N, C-alpha and C. Protein backbone atom coordinates (compact mmCIF):
# COMPACT_ATOMS: atom_id res chain seq x y z
N MET A 1 16.17 13.97 10.75
CA MET A 1 16.52 12.66 11.08
C MET A 1 15.71 12.05 9.83
N SER A 2 16.18 10.99 9.22
CA SER A 2 15.44 10.24 8.64
C SER A 2 14.86 9.23 8.80
N ILE A 3 13.93 8.54 8.21
CA ILE A 3 13.39 7.24 8.71
C ILE A 3 13.97 6.08 8.37
N PRO A 4 14.13 4.72 9.09
CA PRO A 4 15.19 4.28 8.83
C PRO A 4 14.43 2.91 7.80
N HIS A 5 14.57 2.43 7.14
CA HIS A 5 14.20 1.35 6.12
C HIS A 5 14.98 0.07 6.74
N ALA A 6 14.67 -1.09 6.14
CA ALA A 6 14.60 -2.59 6.21
C ALA A 6 16.23 -2.45 5.73
N ASN A 7 17.09 -3.08 5.91
CA ASN A 7 18.54 -3.52 5.52
C ASN A 7 18.49 -4.83 4.86
N PRO A 8 19.17 -4.82 3.88
CA PRO A 8 19.23 -6.23 2.57
C PRO A 8 19.37 -7.47 4.10
N GLY A 9 18.31 -7.98 3.81
CA GLY A 9 18.43 -9.55 4.86
C GLY A 9 17.74 -9.34 5.91
N GLU A 10 17.55 -7.72 5.86
CA GLU A 10 16.16 -7.99 7.31
C GLU A 10 15.07 -8.36 7.12
N ILE A 11 14.58 -9.14 8.06
CA ILE A 11 13.37 -9.67 8.28
C ILE A 11 12.21 -8.15 8.50
N VAL A 12 11.60 -7.88 8.31
CA VAL A 12 9.93 -6.91 8.15
C VAL A 12 8.92 -8.08 8.49
N ASN A 13 8.32 -7.44 9.64
CA ASN A 13 6.76 -7.72 10.06
C ASN A 13 5.79 -7.29 9.42
N VAL A 14 5.05 -8.06 8.52
CA VAL A 14 3.63 -7.07 7.60
C VAL A 14 2.50 -7.67 8.28
N ARG A 15 2.62 -8.59 9.37
CA ARG A 15 1.56 -8.82 10.26
C ARG A 15 0.21 -7.95 10.31
N SER A 16 -1.08 -8.34 10.90
CA SER A 16 -1.86 -7.96 11.01
C SER A 16 -1.82 -7.13 12.12
N LEU A 17 -2.19 -5.37 12.28
CA LEU A 17 -1.81 -4.73 13.68
C LEU A 17 -2.74 -4.68 14.41
N GLY A 18 -4.17 -5.65 14.14
CA GLY A 18 -5.09 -5.50 15.15
C GLY A 18 -5.38 -4.21 15.87
N ALA A 19 -5.25 -4.36 17.15
CA ALA A 19 -5.24 -3.12 17.86
C ALA A 19 -4.42 -1.48 17.68
N ALA A 20 -3.71 -1.93 17.14
CA ALA A 20 -2.57 -0.77 17.02
C ALA A 20 -2.57 -0.42 15.53
N LEU A 21 -3.74 -0.81 14.79
CA LEU A 21 -3.98 -0.45 13.70
C LEU A 21 -4.29 1.52 13.82
N ALA A 22 -4.94 1.36 15.22
CA ALA A 22 -5.57 2.81 14.63
C ALA A 22 -4.81 4.13 15.34
N THR A 23 -3.21 3.73 15.87
CA THR A 23 -2.26 4.33 16.26
C THR A 23 -1.05 4.23 15.57
N THR A 24 -1.12 3.43 14.43
CA THR A 24 -0.36 3.61 13.24
C THR A 24 0.27 4.30 12.27
N ALA A 25 1.01 4.72 11.58
CA ALA A 25 1.14 5.43 10.87
C ALA A 25 1.49 4.65 9.24
N THR A 26 1.59 5.39 8.01
CA THR A 26 1.84 5.02 7.32
C THR A 26 3.61 4.75 7.36
N ARG A 27 4.05 4.11 6.33
CA ARG A 27 5.65 4.17 6.78
C ARG A 27 6.16 3.23 5.25
N THR A 28 7.13 4.04 4.80
CA THR A 28 7.90 3.30 4.04
C THR A 28 9.10 2.07 4.56
N LEU A 29 8.71 0.45 3.81
CA LEU A 29 9.71 -0.42 4.71
C LEU A 29 10.93 -0.56 4.32
N VAL A 30 10.87 -0.49 2.78
CA VAL A 30 12.03 -0.52 2.08
C VAL A 30 12.01 1.11 0.99
N LYS A 31 13.29 1.26 0.54
CA LYS A 31 13.08 2.05 -0.43
C LYS A 31 14.51 2.16 -0.79
N THR A 32 14.43 1.43 -2.40
CA THR A 32 16.11 1.40 -3.07
C THR A 32 15.64 2.10 -4.20
N LYS A 33 16.84 2.31 -5.50
CA LYS A 33 16.54 3.00 -6.97
C LYS A 33 15.34 2.15 -7.46
N THR A 34 15.19 0.92 -7.11
CA THR A 34 14.50 0.04 -8.20
C THR A 34 12.97 -0.38 -7.50
N ILE A 35 13.00 -0.25 -6.03
CA ILE A 35 11.88 -0.71 -5.42
C ILE A 35 11.44 0.13 -4.44
N GLU A 36 10.26 -0.17 -4.32
CA GLU A 36 10.13 0.73 -2.98
C GLU A 36 8.60 0.12 -2.02
N VAL A 37 8.59 -0.78 -1.07
CA VAL A 37 7.80 -1.42 -0.25
C VAL A 37 7.70 0.42 0.76
N ILE A 38 5.52 -0.03 1.14
CA ILE A 38 5.03 0.82 1.91
C ILE A 38 4.65 -0.06 2.25
N ARG A 39 4.00 0.43 3.85
CA ARG A 39 2.68 -0.06 4.78
C ARG A 39 2.17 0.81 4.60
N MET A 40 1.03 1.04 4.19
CA MET A 40 -0.07 1.76 3.82
C MET A 40 -1.61 1.68 5.31
N VAL A 41 -1.16 2.50 5.84
CA VAL A 41 -2.78 2.39 7.07
C VAL A 41 -3.84 3.23 6.53
N VAL A 42 -5.09 2.56 5.99
CA VAL A 42 -6.23 3.50 5.73
C VAL A 42 -7.39 3.45 6.70
N PRO A 43 -7.50 4.29 7.37
CA PRO A 43 -8.83 4.65 8.73
C PRO A 43 -9.57 4.20 7.39
N ALA A 44 -11.12 4.14 8.42
CA ALA A 44 -12.68 4.03 7.51
C ALA A 44 -12.79 5.16 7.22
N GLY A 45 -12.87 5.72 5.79
CA GLY A 45 -13.26 6.66 5.36
C GLY A 45 -12.44 7.54 5.44
N LYS A 46 -11.19 7.42 5.01
CA LYS A 46 -10.14 8.20 4.13
C LYS A 46 -10.18 7.45 2.67
N GLU A 47 -9.97 9.05 2.15
CA GLU A 47 -10.31 8.84 0.71
C GLU A 47 -8.99 9.33 0.12
N ILE A 48 -8.29 8.56 -0.34
CA ILE A 48 -7.10 9.09 -1.67
C ILE A 48 -7.32 9.19 -2.92
N PRO A 49 -7.30 10.66 -3.66
CA PRO A 49 -8.17 10.94 -4.66
C PRO A 49 -7.19 10.18 -5.75
N THR A 50 -7.82 10.19 -7.18
CA THR A 50 -6.91 9.62 -8.08
C THR A 50 -5.77 10.33 -7.96
N HIS A 51 -4.88 9.22 -8.61
CA HIS A 51 -3.79 9.80 -9.32
C HIS A 51 -2.99 8.53 -9.87
N LYS A 52 -1.64 8.76 -10.33
CA LYS A 52 -0.78 7.68 -10.80
C LYS A 52 0.03 7.02 -10.00
N ALA A 53 0.87 5.87 -10.43
CA ALA A 53 2.21 5.22 -9.89
C ALA A 53 3.13 5.73 -10.85
N LYS A 54 4.94 5.70 -10.44
CA LYS A 54 5.76 5.90 -11.47
C LYS A 54 6.29 4.56 -11.88
N GLY A 55 5.78 3.65 -11.37
CA GLY A 55 6.19 2.10 -11.67
C GLY A 55 5.06 1.28 -11.53
N ASP A 56 5.22 0.12 -11.89
CA ASP A 56 4.39 -1.10 -11.74
C ASP A 56 4.02 -1.01 -10.32
N ILE A 57 2.38 -1.47 -9.72
CA ILE A 57 2.63 -1.37 -8.53
C ILE A 57 1.78 -2.56 -8.41
N THR A 58 2.29 -3.24 -7.10
CA THR A 58 1.20 -4.37 -6.21
C THR A 58 0.34 -3.68 -5.56
N VAL A 59 -0.64 -3.93 -4.83
CA VAL A 59 -1.08 -3.81 -3.61
C VAL A 59 -1.64 -5.15 -2.86
N GLN A 60 -1.53 -5.45 -1.71
CA GLN A 60 -1.92 -6.42 -0.88
C GLN A 60 -2.31 -6.02 0.31
N CYS A 61 -3.86 -6.24 0.29
CA CYS A 61 -4.52 -5.76 1.58
C CYS A 61 -4.17 -7.17 2.57
N LEU A 62 -3.40 -6.28 3.77
CA LEU A 62 -3.02 -7.15 5.29
C LEU A 62 -4.35 -6.79 6.32
N GLU A 63 -4.95 -6.18 6.17
CA GLU A 63 -6.52 -6.25 7.02
C GLU A 63 -7.19 -5.24 6.58
N GLY A 64 -8.32 -5.50 7.23
CA GLY A 64 -9.42 -4.56 6.85
C GLY A 64 -10.14 -4.52 5.48
N LYS A 65 -10.74 -3.14 4.92
CA LYS A 65 -11.33 -3.45 3.31
C LYS A 65 -11.14 -2.15 2.80
N ILE A 66 -11.35 -1.98 1.76
CA ILE A 66 -10.36 -0.88 0.97
C ILE A 66 -10.81 -1.17 0.04
N ALA A 67 -11.69 0.10 -0.42
CA ALA A 67 -12.39 0.22 -1.90
C ALA A 67 -11.30 0.73 -2.78
N PHE A 68 -10.63 0.45 -3.77
CA PHE A 68 -9.78 0.22 -4.66
C PHE A 68 -10.38 0.47 -6.06
N THR A 69 -10.38 1.92 -6.70
CA THR A 69 -10.57 2.23 -7.90
C THR A 69 -9.56 2.16 -8.68
N ALA A 70 -9.74 1.47 -10.14
CA ALA A 70 -8.95 1.07 -10.82
C ALA A 70 -9.13 0.11 -12.43
N CYS A 71 -8.51 0.63 -13.66
CA CYS A 71 -9.45 0.19 -14.77
C CYS A 71 -10.97 0.49 -14.80
N GLY A 72 -11.44 1.11 -14.31
CA GLY A 72 -12.97 0.99 -14.58
C GLY A 72 -13.34 0.51 -13.63
N LYS A 73 -12.86 0.10 -12.65
CA LYS A 73 -14.08 -0.68 -11.60
C LYS A 73 -13.44 -0.45 -10.58
N THR A 74 -14.41 -0.49 -9.25
CA THR A 74 -13.92 -0.47 -7.85
C THR A 74 -14.55 -1.60 -7.36
N HIS A 75 -12.98 -2.22 -7.10
CA HIS A 75 -12.74 -3.58 -6.10
C HIS A 75 -12.62 -3.25 -4.54
N GLU A 76 -13.79 -4.10 -3.59
CA GLU A 76 -13.16 -4.13 -2.22
C GLU A 76 -12.37 -4.91 -2.07
N LEU A 77 -11.08 -4.96 -1.61
CA LEU A 77 -9.90 -5.32 -1.02
C LEU A 77 -10.35 -5.85 0.25
N GLU A 78 -9.97 -7.22 1.04
CA GLU A 78 -10.09 -7.93 2.00
C GLU A 78 -8.49 -8.71 2.27
N ALA A 79 -8.39 -8.36 3.62
CA ALA A 79 -7.12 -9.29 3.82
C ALA A 79 -7.00 -10.57 3.02
N GLY A 80 -5.45 -11.06 2.52
CA GLY A 80 -5.25 -11.56 1.36
C GLY A 80 -5.44 -11.43 0.19
N GLN A 81 -5.65 -10.54 -0.61
CA GLN A 81 -6.08 -9.72 -1.69
C GLN A 81 -5.25 -9.38 -1.83
N LEU A 82 -4.77 -9.41 -3.55
CA LEU A 82 -3.75 -8.33 -3.82
C LEU A 82 -4.24 -7.97 -5.50
N LEU A 83 -3.54 -6.95 -6.20
CA LEU A 83 -4.19 -6.28 -6.89
C LEU A 83 -3.16 -5.65 -7.75
N TYR A 84 -2.78 -6.10 -9.18
CA TYR A 84 -1.44 -5.43 -9.73
C TYR A 84 -2.21 -4.23 -10.98
N LEU A 85 -1.21 -3.20 -10.77
CA LEU A 85 -1.47 -2.05 -11.74
C LEU A 85 0.02 -1.96 -12.43
N PRO A 86 -0.29 -1.42 -13.80
CA PRO A 86 0.71 -1.36 -14.62
C PRO A 86 1.46 0.12 -14.30
N THR A 87 2.40 0.77 -15.22
CA THR A 87 3.28 1.43 -14.40
C THR A 87 2.08 3.06 -15.03
N GLY A 88 1.36 3.88 -14.31
CA GLY A 88 0.52 5.00 -14.89
C GLY A 88 -0.53 4.37 -14.78
N GLU A 89 -1.27 3.73 -14.06
CA GLU A 89 -2.65 3.91 -14.56
C GLU A 89 -3.12 4.49 -13.51
N PRO A 90 -4.14 5.51 -13.90
CA PRO A 90 -4.87 5.84 -12.84
C PRO A 90 -5.80 4.94 -11.71
N HIS A 91 -5.21 5.46 -10.22
CA HIS A 91 -6.13 4.93 -9.37
C HIS A 91 -6.34 5.50 -8.12
N SER A 92 -7.47 5.36 -7.40
CA SER A 92 -7.78 5.63 -6.34
C SER A 92 -8.24 4.66 -5.15
N LEU A 93 -8.48 5.54 -4.01
CA LEU A 93 -8.93 3.91 -2.58
C LEU A 93 -9.80 4.85 -1.04
N ARG A 94 -10.18 4.27 -0.93
CA ARG A 94 -11.06 4.92 0.23
C ARG A 94 -10.90 3.26 1.27
N GLY A 95 -11.35 3.90 2.88
CA GLY A 95 -11.24 3.11 3.70
C GLY A 95 -12.53 2.64 3.80
N ILE A 96 -12.99 1.18 3.38
CA ILE A 96 -14.56 0.99 3.98
C ILE A 96 -14.63 0.96 5.83
N GLU A 97 -13.07 -0.38 5.73
CA GLU A 97 -12.85 -0.26 7.57
C GLU A 97 -11.74 0.35 7.81
N ASN A 98 -11.59 0.29 8.80
CA ASN A 98 -9.54 0.67 9.17
C ASN A 98 -8.71 -0.91 8.34
N GLY A 99 -7.71 -0.25 7.88
CA GLY A 99 -7.21 -1.56 7.27
C GLY A 99 -5.73 -0.96 7.01
N SER A 100 -5.20 -1.88 6.69
CA SER A 100 -3.78 -1.50 6.10
C SER A 100 -3.20 -2.26 4.64
N LEU A 101 -2.11 -1.62 3.97
CA LEU A 101 -2.10 -2.27 2.90
C LEU A 101 -0.57 -2.55 2.40
N LEU A 102 0.13 -3.09 2.10
CA LEU A 102 1.30 -3.23 1.64
C LEU A 102 1.18 -2.99 -0.03
N LEU A 103 1.48 -1.67 -0.29
CA LEU A 103 2.14 -1.42 -1.18
C LEU A 103 3.47 -1.34 -1.91
N THR A 104 4.29 -2.07 -3.35
CA THR A 104 5.05 -2.36 -3.98
C THR A 104 5.17 -1.85 -5.02
N ILE A 105 5.97 -1.09 -5.13
CA ILE A 105 6.21 -0.29 -6.65
C ILE A 105 7.71 -0.22 -7.47
N VAL A 106 7.50 -1.22 -8.54
CA VAL A 106 8.54 -0.89 -9.22
C VAL A 106 8.83 0.11 -9.84
N LEU A 107 10.20 0.95 -9.99
CA LEU A 107 10.49 2.04 -10.13
C LEU A 107 11.27 1.17 -11.41
N PRO A 108 11.34 2.48 -12.72
CA PRO A 108 11.74 2.35 -13.68
C PRO A 108 13.21 2.43 -13.49
N SER A 109 13.55 1.85 -14.22
CA SER A 109 15.24 2.32 -14.32
C SER A 109 15.87 3.40 -14.45
N GLN A 110 16.79 4.40 -14.51
CA GLN A 110 17.38 5.90 -15.14
C GLN A 110 18.16 5.82 -15.87
């Protein structure tokens, strides 16, 4: 069974999960040939090792606090903050507090 994604024109709730954060999984919200939008849940202590994205990305912290390392610096992203990275920029992250991110990847044309 495939995971449902938002349909064109459909409203998607990206508000804080609050108490539901601990039981919510990471989920792709939108996926097309040119863009992917993911709500990423990052529990405190979870680390995602250094990797690269296939396109330009924005990472918006929706809740909690996430240590995000890129461009030779580590930033503590908190709710309401957004970070942009160009295609192929190595980055890693670690949950400082339970948190969630809205990750948008702009995929290159094929």
